[in-house]
Amino acid sequence: MLDALSWFFGNLWAGVAGIFVALANPGAWLNWFEDSESLMRFIFYGASTELFFALLAIFTAVLIAGLFHRPFLWGVVRVIEYGQNALGRFFAYAALLLVLQQVVIIFLQRLFREGAITFGIGDVGFTQDISWWSEELKLYNALIVALCVGYTFVQGGHVRVDLFYAGAKYRTKKIVDMLGSALLLMPLTVVIWMFAWYFMWRNMIRPPVAVTNTLDQMLSRAQVVRWDIETIGFSPNGFNAYILFKVLILAFAGLMFLMAWSFLYRSLLECIEGPESDGKYIDKDQLGDEIAETASEIH
C-alpha cells in the first residue's frame, strides 16, 4: 500500500515538474523539422505516464480551486460545454455535406458518365476520381462520430440503460455520475488515447514506434527517422487520406477525456448545491416541439 502511494504521489510530482520543464524548453519537443530528437520526445511523452499525471495535476488543481470558489468551477464547466457544443453544432453539418456530395456523385456518374470531379475557383482546382469522392464519404461519418460526441453528451443524447439510476435519490444520482466519470469514462479514454497515439504515428514515420518503446530507444532512432505519411487507398483511385481517421480517434479520446472532467465537476457542484442547480447553465438545443422535447428528455 505504501509503495503504491509512493508511486502515485511521486509520479504526480514528476508530472507537475514536467509541466514547467516542457514550458521552459519548448524546442526540446516542438522543433520537429530541425531536430529529429525533439520529434521522438514529443511522440514518447504524448502517451506517457508523465503526461497523464501532468493533466491529472492540472484538473485536480482546478477542482480544488473550484471547491473554494464555486463560480470559478462553474465557469470551467461552462467553457468546456460551450466548446463541445460549438464544435458539435459545426461538424453536425457534415451530415448535410455527405448527402449533397452523394447526390452530386450519383448525378455525375449515372447521368453524365463523368469519371472525375473537380472542386475549385478559377485556375485553382482539386480533381479526384469519382471513386475517391465516394470513399471519402466515410470521412463525414467519422467527423460526426468523433467530433460531435461531446456535444451529444452535453445534450443528453447518449443512450442510457437505467437499472436503478432512474429511481435513485437526487444526490445518489450525482454520486453515480461522479463515479462513472472517474472510474469508467476517464480510464477508457486514456486507454484509447494511448493505443491510438502510437497507431497514428506508426503510419506517419519510419521506422515505426510502439507503446513498449522507452525514451532511450526512441532517441536512438532519431538519426534515421523520416516522415512517411500513409497515403494508401483500398482501390487504385480511391480515397487515400485514411491517416485522418487515425487523427480523429485521438480527437474523440481527447474530447471525451475533457468531457469526463467537465461532467465530474458539474455533478459535484450539483450535488453540493442541491436540486435547484440541476442543469444549471447547460445550453441545450431547443427543438421547438413539446412532444419532441419530452421524448428527448426520456431518452
C-alpha atoms as a PDB file:
ATOM      1  CA  MET A   1       0.000   0.000   0.000  1.00  0.00           C
ATOM      2  CA  LEU A   2       2.764   2.421   0.917  1.00  0.00           C
ATOM      3  CA  ASP A   3       4.631   1.531  -2.285  1.00  0.00           C
ATOM      4  CA  ALA A   4       1.521   2.272  -4.334  1.00  0.00           C
ATOM      5  CA  LEU A   5       1.009   5.638  -2.632  1.00  0.00           C
ATOM      6  CA  SER A   6       4.678   6.471  -3.050  1.00  0.00           C
ATOM      7  CA  TRP A   7       4.482   5.611  -6.770  1.00  0.00           C
ATOM      8  CA  PHE A   8       1.321   7.696  -7.236  1.00  0.00           C
ATOM      9  CA  PHE A   9       2.490  10.841  -5.475  1.00  0.00           C
ATOM     10  CA  GLY A  10       5.975  10.511  -6.940  1.00  0.00           C
ATOM     11  CA  ASN A  11       4.548  10.448 -10.463  1.00  0.00           C
ATOM     12  CA  LEU A  12       2.146  13.266  -9.627  1.00  0.00           C
ATOM     13  CA  TRP A  13       5.045  15.453  -8.504  1.00  0.00           C
ATOM     14  CA  ALA A  14       7.045  14.465 -11.591  1.00  0.00           C
ATOM     15  CA  GLY A  15       4.062  15.437 -13.748  1.00  0.00           C
ATOM     16  CA  VAL A  16       3.854  18.874 -12.141  1.00  0.00           C
ATOM     17  CA  ALA A  17       7.599  19.402 -12.560  1.00  0.00           C
ATOM     18  CA  GLY A  18       7.368  18.183 -16.154  1.00  0.00           C
ATOM     19  CA  ILE A  19       4.864  20.933 -16.991  1.00  0.00           C
ATOM     20  CA  PHE A  20       7.379  23.640 -16.071  1.00  0.00           C
ATOM     21  CA  VAL A  21      10.253  21.823 -17.795  1.00  0.00           C
ATOM     22  CA  ALA A  22       8.235  21.499 -21.014  1.00  0.00           C
ATOM     23  CA  LEU A  23       7.165  25.150 -20.946  1.00  0.00           C
ATOM     24  CA  ALA A  24      10.732  26.295 -20.260  1.00  0.00           C
ATOM     25  CA  ASN A  25      12.195  24.189 -23.102  1.00  0.00           C
ATOM     26  CA  PRO A  26       9.682  24.141 -25.995  1.00  0.00           C
ATOM     27  CA  GLY A  27      12.434  23.488 -28.540  1.00  0.00           C
ATOM     28  CA  ALA A  28      13.190  20.139 -26.901  1.00  0.00           C
ATOM     29  CA  TRP A  29       9.840  18.724 -28.060  1.00  0.00           C
ATOM     30  CA  LEU A  30       8.436  21.056 -30.757  1.00  0.00           C
ATOM     31  CA  ASN A  31      11.384  21.583 -33.113  1.00  0.00           C
ATOM     32  CA  TRP A  32      10.393  18.610 -35.296  1.00  0.00           C
ATOM     33  CA  PHE A  33      11.830  19.600 -38.665  1.00  0.00           C
ATOM     34  CA  GLU A  34      15.269  20.688 -37.478  1.00  0.00           C
ATOM     35  CA  ASP A  35      15.809  18.292 -34.573  1.00  0.00           C
ATOM     36  CA  SER A  36      14.547  14.737 -35.004  1.00  0.00           C
ATOM     37  CA  GLU A  37      15.161  14.041 -31.310  1.00  0.00           C
ATOM     38  CA  SER A  38      12.525  16.626 -30.391  1.00  0.00           C
ATOM     39  CA  LEU A  39      10.033  14.743 -32.586  1.00  0.00           C
ATOM     40  CA  MET A  40      10.822  11.485 -30.802  1.00  0.00           C
ATOM     41  CA  ARG A  41      10.432  13.169 -27.409  1.00  0.00           C
ATOM     42  CA  PHE A  42       7.055  14.552 -28.493  1.00  0.00           C
ATOM     43  CA  ILE A  43       5.910  11.091 -29.589  1.00  0.00           C
ATOM     44  CA  PHE A  44       7.120   9.427 -26.402  1.00  0.00           C
ATOM     45  CA  TYR A  45       5.635  11.944 -23.973  1.00  0.00           C
ATOM     46  CA  GLY A  46       2.402  12.262 -25.968  1.00  0.00           C
ATOM     47  CA  ALA A  47       1.148   8.988 -24.475  1.00  0.00           C
ATOM     48  CA  SER A  48       3.286   8.735 -21.366  1.00  0.00           C
ATOM     49  CA  THR A  49       2.717   8.377 -17.660  1.00  0.00           C
ATOM     50  CA  GLU A  50       4.258  11.838 -17.243  1.00  0.00           C
ATOM     51  CA  LEU A  51       1.599  13.434 -19.461  1.00  0.00           C
ATOM     52  CA  PHE A  52      -1.210  11.631 -17.657  1.00  0.00           C
ATOM     53  CA  PHE A  53      -0.057  12.791 -14.242  1.00  0.00           C
ATOM     54  CA  ALA A  54       0.579  16.320 -15.520  1.00  0.00           C
ATOM     55  CA  LEU A  55      -3.024  16.509 -16.740  1.00  0.00           C
ATOM     56  CA  LEU A  56      -4.254  14.888 -13.536  1.00  0.00           C
ATOM     57  CA  ALA A  57      -2.423  17.544 -11.524  1.00  0.00           C
ATOM     58  CA  ILE A  58      -3.929  20.378 -13.607  1.00  0.00           C
ATOM     59  CA  PHE A  59      -7.526  19.112 -13.426  1.00  0.00           C
ATOM     60  CA  THR A  60      -7.184  18.296  -9.725  1.00  0.00           C
ATOM     61  CA  ALA A  61      -5.853  21.795  -9.041  1.00  0.00           C
ATOM     62  CA  VAL A  62      -8.852  23.233 -10.911  1.00  0.00           C
ATOM     63  CA  LEU A  63     -11.147  21.044  -8.792  1.00  0.00           C
ATOM     64  CA  ILE A  64      -9.574  22.151  -5.506  1.00  0.00           C
ATOM     65  CA  ALA A  65      -9.682  25.815  -6.518  1.00  0.00           C
ATOM     66  CA  GLY A  66     -13.311  25.363  -7.552  1.00  0.00           C
ATOM     67  CA  LEU A  67     -14.284  23.944  -4.180  1.00  0.00           C
ATOM     68  CA  PHE A  68     -13.045  27.143  -2.542  1.00  0.00           C
ATOM     69  CA  HIS A  69     -14.663  29.358  -5.187  1.00  0.00           C
ATOM     70  CA  ARG A  70     -17.562  27.592  -6.901  1.00  0.00           C
ATOM     71  CA  PRO A  71     -18.225  30.303  -9.530  1.00  0.00           C
ATOM     72  CA  PHE A  72     -14.745  29.543 -10.897  1.00  0.00           C
ATOM     73  CA  LEU A  73     -15.574  25.841 -11.294  1.00  0.00           C
ATOM     74  CA  TRP A  74     -18.924  26.672 -12.871  1.00  0.00           C
ATOM     75  CA  GLY A  75     -17.025  28.892 -15.285  1.00  0.00           C
ATOM     76  CA  VAL A  76     -14.725  25.996 -16.235  1.00  0.00           C
ATOM     77  CA  VAL A  77     -17.759  23.753 -16.816  1.00  0.00           C
ATOM     78  CA  ARG A  78     -19.458  26.384 -18.972  1.00  0.00           C
ATOM     79  CA  VAL A  79     -16.333  26.948 -21.086  1.00  0.00           C
ATOM     80  CA  ILE A  80     -15.850  23.213 -21.729  1.00  0.00           C
ATOM     81  CA  GLU A  81     -19.525  22.649 -22.511  1.00  0.00           C
ATOM     82  CA  TYR A  82     -19.631  25.725 -24.753  1.00  0.00           C
ATOM     83  CA  GLY A  83     -16.629  24.415 -26.685  1.00  0.00           C
ATOM     84  CA  GLN A  84     -18.163  20.948 -27.034  1.00  0.00           C
ATOM     85  CA  ASN A  85     -21.474  22.411 -28.187  1.00  0.00           C
ATOM     86  CA  ALA A  86     -19.832  24.765 -30.683  1.00  0.00           C
ATOM     87  CA  LEU A  87     -17.676  22.003 -32.145  1.00  0.00           C
ATOM     88  CA  GLY A  88     -20.562  19.564 -32.351  1.00  0.00           C
ATOM     89  CA  ARG A  89     -23.006  22.013 -33.892  1.00  0.00           C
ATOM     90  CA  PHE A  90     -20.447  22.965 -36.530  1.00  0.00           C
ATOM     91  CA  PHE A  91     -19.438  19.442 -37.550  1.00  0.00           C
ATOM     92  CA  ALA A  92     -23.041  18.224 -37.474  1.00  0.00           C
ATOM     93  CA  TYR A  93     -23.290  19.909 -40.879  1.00  0.00           C
ATOM     94  CA  ALA A  94     -21.012  17.152 -42.162  1.00  0.00           C
ATOM     95  CA  ALA A  95     -24.207  15.094 -42.456  1.00  0.00           C
ATOM     96  CA  LEU A  96     -25.608  17.673 -44.876  1.00  0.00           C
ATOM     97  CA  LEU A  97     -22.367  17.689 -46.883  1.00  0.00           C
ATOM     98  CA  LEU A  98     -22.469  13.894 -47.018  1.00  0.00           C
ATOM     99  CA  VAL A  99     -25.968  13.891 -48.512  1.00  0.00           C
ATOM    100  CA  LEU A 100     -25.225  16.690 -51.010  1.00  0.00           C
ATOM    101  CA  GLN A 101     -21.978  15.067 -52.141  1.00  0.00           C
ATOM    102  CA  GLN A 102     -23.686  11.702 -52.570  1.00  0.00           C
ATOM    103  CA  VAL A 103     -26.361  13.315 -54.743  1.00  0.00           C
ATOM    104  CA  VAL A 104     -23.705  15.043 -56.880  1.00  0.00           C
ATOM    105  CA  ILE A 105     -21.805  11.759 -57.295  1.00  0.00           C
ATOM    106  CA  ILE A 106     -24.944   9.890 -58.403  1.00  0.00           C
ATOM    107  CA  PHE A 107     -25.924  12.543 -60.949  1.00  0.00           C
ATOM    108  CA  LEU A 108     -22.435  12.911 -62.420  1.00  0.00           C
ATOM    109  CA  GLN A 109     -21.727   9.198 -62.525  1.00  0.00           C
ATOM    110  CA  ARG A 110     -25.086   7.812 -63.613  1.00  0.00           C
ATOM    111  CA  LEU A 111     -26.494  10.588 -65.778  1.00  0.00           C
ATOM    112  CA  PHE A 112     -23.444  12.336 -67.216  1.00  0.00           C
ATOM    113  CA  ARG A 113     -20.963   9.426 -67.088  1.00  0.00           C
ATOM    114  CA  GLU A 114     -18.274  11.620 -65.574  1.00  0.00           C
ATOM    115  CA  GLY A 115     -15.157   9.881 -64.247  1.00  0.00           C
ATOM    116  CA  ALA A 116     -13.824  12.667 -62.043  1.00  0.00           C
ATOM    117  CA  ILE A 117     -14.982  15.666 -60.035  1.00  0.00           C
ATOM    118  CA  THR A 118     -13.144  18.963 -59.714  1.00  0.00           C
ATOM    119  CA  PHE A 119     -13.747  21.498 -56.954  1.00  0.00           C
ATOM    120  CA  GLY A 120     -12.040  24.837 -57.297  1.00  0.00           C
ATOM    121  CA  ILE A 121     -12.114  28.517 -58.186  1.00  0.00           C
ATOM    122  CA  GLY A 122     -10.698  29.782 -61.471  1.00  0.00           C
ATOM    123  CA  ASP A 123      -7.484  28.008 -62.405  1.00  0.00           C
ATOM    124  CA  VAL A 124      -7.067  26.518 -58.937  1.00  0.00           C
ATOM    125  CA  GLY A 125      -8.879  23.216 -58.530  1.00  0.00           C
ATOM    126  CA  PHE A 126      -8.826  19.886 -56.747  1.00  0.00           C
ATOM    127  CA  THR A 127      -9.539  16.927 -59.042  1.00  0.00           C
ATOM    128  CA  GLN A 128     -10.104  13.342 -57.984  1.00  0.00           C
ATOM    129  CA  ASP A 129     -11.708  10.253 -59.417  1.00  0.00           C
ATOM    130  CA  ILE A 130     -15.392   9.598 -58.675  1.00  0.00           C
ATOM    131  CA  SER A 131     -14.411   6.573 -56.596  1.00  0.00           C
ATOM    132  CA  TRP A 132     -12.205   8.845 -54.435  1.00  0.00           C
ATOM    133  CA  TRP A 133     -15.147  11.090 -53.623  1.00  0.00           C
ATOM    134  CA  SER A 134     -17.384   8.077 -52.981  1.00  0.00           C
ATOM    135  CA  GLU A 135     -14.982   6.568 -50.462  1.00  0.00           C
ATOM    136  CA  GLU A 136     -14.367   9.987 -48.895  1.00  0.00           C
ATOM    137  CA  LEU A 137     -17.998   9.997 -47.702  1.00  0.00           C
ATOM    138  CA  LYS A 138     -16.864   7.786 -44.822  1.00  0.00           C
ATOM    139  CA  LEU A 139     -14.818  10.706 -43.532  1.00  0.00           C
ATOM    140  CA  TYR A 140     -18.009  12.705 -42.927  1.00  0.00           C
ATOM    141  CA  ASN A 141     -19.365   9.883 -40.779  1.00  0.00           C
ATOM    142  CA  ALA A 142     -16.096   9.812 -38.832  1.00  0.00           C
ATOM    143  CA  LEU A 143     -16.219  13.584 -38.299  1.00  0.00           C
ATOM    144  CA  ILE A 144     -19.721  13.321 -36.865  1.00  0.00           C
ATOM    145  CA  VAL A 145     -18.889  10.403 -34.566  1.00  0.00           C
ATOM    146  CA  ALA A 146     -15.552  11.733 -33.311  1.00  0.00           C
ATOM    147  CA  LEU A 147     -16.214  15.469 -33.051  1.00  0.00           C
ATOM    148  CA  CYS A 148     -19.891  15.554 -32.105  1.00  0.00           C
ATOM    149  CA  VAL A 149     -19.595  13.039 -29.260  1.00  0.00           C
ATOM    150  CA  GLY A 150     -19.036  15.666 -26.554  1.00  0.00           C
ATOM    151  CA  TYR A 151     -21.891  17.763 -27.931  1.00  0.00           C
ATOM    152  CA  THR A 152     -24.192  14.731 -27.776  1.00  0.00           C
ATOM    153  CA  PHE A 153     -23.085  14.119 -24.184  1.00  0.00           C
ATOM    154  CA  VAL A 154     -23.904  17.699 -23.171  1.00  0.00           C
ATOM    155  CA  GLN A 155     -27.307  17.435 -24.859  1.00  0.00           C
ATOM    156  CA  GLY A 156     -28.053  14.177 -23.021  1.00  0.00           C
ATOM    157  CA  GLY A 157     -28.378  12.315 -26.299  1.00  0.00           C
ATOM    158  CA  HIS A 158     -26.454   9.157 -25.417  1.00  0.00           C
ATOM    159  CA  VAL A 159     -28.484   6.019 -24.817  1.00  0.00           C
ATOM    160  CA  ARG A 160     -28.626   5.015 -21.152  1.00  0.00           C
ATOM    161  CA  VAL A 161     -29.686   1.727 -19.582  1.00  0.00           C
ATOM    162  CA  ASP A 162     -31.082   2.668 -16.170  1.00  0.00           C
ATOM    163  CA  LEU A 163     -31.237  -0.359 -13.881  1.00  0.00           C
ATOM    164  CA  PHE A 164     -31.504   1.606 -10.648  1.00  0.00           C
ATOM    165  CA  TYR A 165     -30.417   5.138 -11.597  1.00  0.00           C
ATOM    166  CA  ALA A 166     -33.866   6.451 -12.607  1.00  0.00           C
ATOM    167  CA  GLY A 167     -35.400   5.655  -9.221  1.00  0.00           C
ATOM    168  CA  ALA A 168     -32.451   6.818  -7.129  1.00  0.00           C
ATOM    169  CA  LYS A 169     -32.411   9.964  -4.997  1.00  0.00           C
ATOM    170  CA  TYR A 170     -31.014  13.189  -6.433  1.00  0.00           C
ATOM    171  CA  ARG A 171     -27.651  13.148  -4.658  1.00  0.00           C
ATOM    172  CA  THR A 172     -27.290   9.402  -5.221  1.00  0.00           C
ATOM    173  CA  LYS A 173     -27.551  10.059  -8.961  1.00  0.00           C
ATOM    174  CA  LYS A 174     -24.858  12.712  -8.754  1.00  0.00           C
ATOM    175  CA  ILE A 175     -22.544  10.374  -6.852  1.00  0.00           C
ATOM    176  CA  VAL A 176     -23.111   7.699  -9.507  1.00  0.00           C
ATOM    177  CA  ASP A 177     -22.334  10.284 -12.205  1.00  0.00           C
ATOM    178  CA  MET A 178     -19.075  11.245 -10.485  1.00  0.00           C
ATOM    179  CA  LEU A 179     -18.013   7.627 -10.015  1.00  0.00           C
ATOM    180  CA  GLY A 180     -18.901   6.828 -13.623  1.00  0.00           C
ATOM    181  CA  SER A 181     -16.795   9.723 -14.877  1.00  0.00           C
ATOM    182  CA  ALA A 182     -13.794   8.933 -12.680  1.00  0.00           C
ATOM    183  CA  LEU A 183     -13.807   5.126 -12.802  1.00  0.00           C
ATOM    184  CA  LEU A 184     -15.251   4.321 -16.231  1.00  0.00           C
ATOM    185  CA  LEU A 185     -15.115   7.178 -18.727  1.00  0.00           C
ATOM    186  CA  MET A 186     -11.690   8.615 -17.832  1.00  0.00           C
ATOM    187  CA  PRO A 187      -9.794   5.284 -17.810  1.00  0.00           C
ATOM    188  CA  LEU A 188     -11.460   4.252 -21.079  1.00  0.00           C
ATOM    189  CA  THR A 189     -10.467   7.458 -22.860  1.00  0.00           C
ATOM    190  CA  VAL A 190      -6.909   7.205 -21.513  1.00  0.00           C
ATOM    191  CA  VAL A 191      -6.538   3.658 -22.873  1.00  0.00           C
ATOM    192  CA  ILE A 192      -7.981   4.690 -26.256  1.00  0.00           C
ATOM    193  CA  TRP A 193      -5.592   7.648 -26.416  1.00  0.00           C
ATOM    194  CA  MET A 194      -2.528   5.541 -25.554  1.00  0.00           C
ATOM    195  CA  PHE A 195      -3.104   2.991 -28.291  1.00  0.00           C
ATOM    196  CA  ALA A 196      -4.490   5.444 -30.866  1.00  0.00           C
ATOM    197  CA  TRP A 197      -1.454   7.723 -30.388  1.00  0.00           C
ATOM    198  CA  TYR A 198       1.021   5.073 -31.487  1.00  0.00           C
ATOM    199  CA  PHE A 199      -1.417   3.713 -34.072  1.00  0.00           C
ATOM    200  CA  MET A 200      -1.348   7.146 -35.722  1.00  0.00           C
ATOM    201  CA  TRP A 201       2.420   7.669 -35.501  1.00  0.00           C
ATOM    202  CA  ARG A 202       3.171   4.199 -36.890  1.00  0.00           C
ATOM    203  CA  ASN A 203       1.509   5.430 -40.078  1.00  0.00           C
ATOM    204  CA  MET A 204       3.340   8.751 -40.171  1.00  0.00           C
ATOM    205  CA  ILE A 205       7.028   7.994 -39.625  1.00  0.00           C
ATOM    206  CA  ARG A 206       9.614   5.304 -40.309  1.00  0.00           C
ATOM    207  CA  PRO A 207      10.939   3.307 -38.513  1.00  0.00           C
ATOM    208  CA  PRO A 208       7.657   2.647 -36.686  1.00  0.00           C
ATOM    209  CA  VAL A 209       7.296   3.243 -32.950  1.00  0.00           C
ATOM    210  CA  ALA A 210       5.433   1.183 -30.372  1.00  0.00           C
ATOM    211  CA  VAL A 211       3.879   1.746 -26.957  1.00  0.00           C
ATOM    212  CA  THR A 212       6.531  -0.513 -25.409  1.00  0.00           C
ATOM    213  CA  ASN A 213       9.462   1.643 -26.614  1.00  0.00           C
ATOM    214  CA  THR A 214      11.427   3.562 -23.978  1.00  0.00           C
ATOM    215  CA  LEU A 215      12.609   7.131 -24.464  1.00  0.00           C
ATOM    216  CA  ASP A 216      16.201   5.980 -24.954  1.00  0.00           C
ATOM    217  CA  GLN A 217      15.114   3.519 -27.642  1.00  0.00           C
ATOM    218  CA  MET A 218      13.245   6.259 -29.480  1.00  0.00           C
ATOM    219  CA  LEU A 219      16.095   8.734 -29.237  1.00  0.00           C
ATOM    220  CA  SER A 220      18.490   6.115 -30.615  1.00  0.00           C
ATOM    221  CA  ARG A 221      16.354   6.023 -33.773  1.00  0.00           C
ATOM    222  CA  ALA A 222      16.224   9.795 -34.127  1.00  0.00           C
ATOM    223  CA  GLN A 223      19.037   9.923 -36.697  1.00  0.00           C
ATOM    224  CA  VAL A 224      17.239   7.578 -39.106  1.00  0.00           C
ATOM    225  CA  VAL A 225      13.631   8.663 -38.569  1.00  0.00           C
ATOM    226  CA  ARG A 226      11.817  10.073 -41.598  1.00  0.00           C
ATOM    227  CA  TRP A 227       8.313  11.183 -42.476  1.00  0.00           C
ATOM    228  CA  ASP A 228       6.243   8.563 -44.278  1.00  0.00           C
ATOM    229  CA  ILE A 229       2.587   9.566 -44.005  1.00  0.00           C
ATOM    230  CA  GLU A 230       0.216   6.821 -45.091  1.00  0.00           C
ATOM    231  CA  THR A 231      -1.449   7.534 -48.443  1.00  0.00           C
ATOM    232  CA  ILE A 232      -2.634   4.038 -49.345  1.00  0.00           C
ATOM    233  CA  GLY A 233      -6.222   3.555 -50.520  1.00  0.00           C
ATOM    234  CA  PHE A 234      -8.374   0.452 -50.750  1.00  0.00           C
ATOM    235  CA  SER A 235      -8.673   0.873 -54.527  1.00  0.00           C
ATOM    236  CA  PRO A 236      -6.314   2.300 -57.188  1.00  0.00           C
ATOM    237  CA  ASN A 237      -8.150   5.624 -57.465  1.00  0.00           C
ATOM    238  CA  GLY A 238      -9.868   5.531 -54.084  1.00  0.00           C
ATOM    239  CA  PHE A 239      -9.664   7.753 -51.037  1.00  0.00           C
ATOM    240  CA  ASN A 240      -6.083   7.816 -49.746  1.00  0.00           C
ATOM    241  CA  ALA A 241      -6.170  10.033 -46.662  1.00  0.00           C
ATOM    242  CA  TYR A 242      -7.027   7.368 -44.091  1.00  0.00           C
ATOM    243  CA  ILE A 243      -4.494   8.929 -41.745  1.00  0.00           C
ATOM    244  CA  LEU A 244      -7.275  11.422 -40.946  1.00  0.00           C
ATOM    245  CA  PHE A 245      -9.317   8.640 -39.375  1.00  0.00           C
ATOM    246  CA  LYS A 246      -6.461   7.880 -37.009  1.00  0.00           C
ATOM    247  CA  VAL A 247      -6.235  11.559 -36.060  1.00  0.00           C
ATOM    248  CA  LEU A 248      -9.980  11.573 -35.392  1.00  0.00           C
ATOM    249  CA  ILE A 249      -9.655   8.646 -32.984  1.00  0.00           C
ATOM    250  CA  LEU A 250      -7.301  10.809 -30.933  1.00  0.00           C
ATOM    251  CA  ALA A 251      -9.701  13.746 -31.179  1.00  0.00           C
ATOM    252  CA  PHE A 252     -12.502  11.506 -29.919  1.00  0.00           C
ATOM    253  CA  ALA A 253     -10.455  10.321 -26.926  1.00  0.00           C
ATOM    254  CA  GLY A 254      -9.271  13.845 -26.070  1.00  0.00           C
ATOM    255  CA  LEU A 255     -12.742  15.382 -26.263  1.00  0.00           C
ATOM    256  CA  MET A 256     -14.282  12.654 -24.123  1.00  0.00           C
ATOM    257  CA  PHE A 257     -11.484  12.900 -21.541  1.00  0.00           C
ATOM    258  CA  LEU A 258     -12.195  16.628 -21.284  1.00  0.00           C
ATOM    259  CA  MET A 259     -15.935  15.934 -21.146  1.00  0.00           C
ATOM    260  CA  ALA A 260     -15.423  13.403 -18.336  1.00  0.00           C
ATOM    261  CA  TRP A 261     -13.774  16.053 -16.171  1.00  0.00           C
ATOM    262  CA  SER A 262     -16.461  18.594 -17.024  1.00  0.00           C
ATOM    263  CA  PHE A 263     -19.197  16.117 -16.107  1.00  0.00           C
ATOM    264  CA  LEU A 264     -17.391  15.290 -12.862  1.00  0.00           C
ATOM    265  CA  TYR A 265     -17.188  18.993 -11.998  1.00  0.00           C
ATOM    266  CA  ARG A 266     -20.854  19.566 -12.886  1.00  0.00           C
ATOM    267  CA  SER A 267     -22.061  16.535 -10.921  1.00  0.00           C
ATOM    268  CA  LEU A 268     -20.052  17.590  -7.863  1.00  0.00           C
ATOM    269  CA  LEU A 269     -21.375  21.157  -7.978  1.00  0.00           C
ATOM    270  CA  GLU A 270     -24.955  19.982  -8.464  1.00  0.00           C
ATOM    271  CA  CYS A 271     -24.537  17.532  -5.586  1.00  0.00           C
ATOM    272  CA  ILE A 272     -23.250  20.283  -3.272  1.00  0.00           C
ATOM    273  CA  GLU A 273     -25.817  22.916  -4.265  1.00  0.00           C
ATOM    274  CA  GLY A 274     -28.836  20.614  -4.437  1.00  0.00           C
ATOM    275  CA  PRO A 275     -31.726  20.076  -6.905  1.00  0.00           C
ATOM    276  CA  GLU A 276     -32.062  23.808  -7.619  1.00  0.00           C
ATOM    277  CA  SER A 277     -28.755  23.634  -9.514  1.00  0.00           C
ATOM    278  CA  ASP A 278     -29.725  20.638 -11.658  1.00  0.00           C
ATOM    279  CA  GLY A 279     -28.945  21.533 -15.281  1.00  0.00           C
ATOM    280  CA  LYS A 280     -27.577  24.920 -14.260  1.00  0.00           C
ATOM    281  CA  TYR A 281     -26.070  26.932 -17.137  1.00  0.00           C
ATOM    282  CA  ILE A 282     -26.464  23.980 -19.523  1.00  0.00           C
ATOM    283  CA  ASP A 283     -27.024  25.060 -23.128  1.00  0.00           C
ATOM    284  CA  LYS A 284     -29.398  22.520 -24.640  1.00  0.00           C
ATOM    285  CA  ASP A 285     -30.838  22.732 -28.139  1.00  0.00           C
ATOM    286  CA  GLN A 286     -34.434  23.854 -28.369  1.00  0.00           C
ATOM    287  CA  LEU A 287     -36.385  21.549 -30.669  1.00  0.00           C
ATOM    288  CA  GLY A 288     -39.452  23.782 -30.851  1.00  0.00           C
ATOM    289  CA  ASP A 289     -41.804  20.832 -30.340  1.00  0.00           C
ATOM    290  CA  GLU A 290     -43.147  19.935 -26.895  1.00  0.00           C
ATOM    291  CA  ILE A 291     -43.598  16.242 -27.743  1.00  0.00           C
ATOM    292  CA  ALA A 292     -40.100  16.023 -29.230  1.00  0.00           C
ATOM    293  CA  GLU A 293     -38.668  17.795 -26.167  1.00  0.00           C
ATOM    294  CA  THR A 294     -40.383  15.291 -23.851  1.00  0.00           C
ATOM    295  CA  ALA A 295     -39.146  12.336 -25.908  1.00  0.00           C
ATOM    296  CA  SER A 296     -35.621  13.739 -25.844  1.00  0.00           C
ATOM    297  CA  GLU A 297     -35.723  14.056 -22.044  1.00  0.00           C
ATOM    298  CA  ILE A 298     -36.947  10.467 -21.688  1.00  0.00           C
ATOM    299  CA  HIS A 299     -34.146   9.064 -23.840  1.00  0.00           C
END
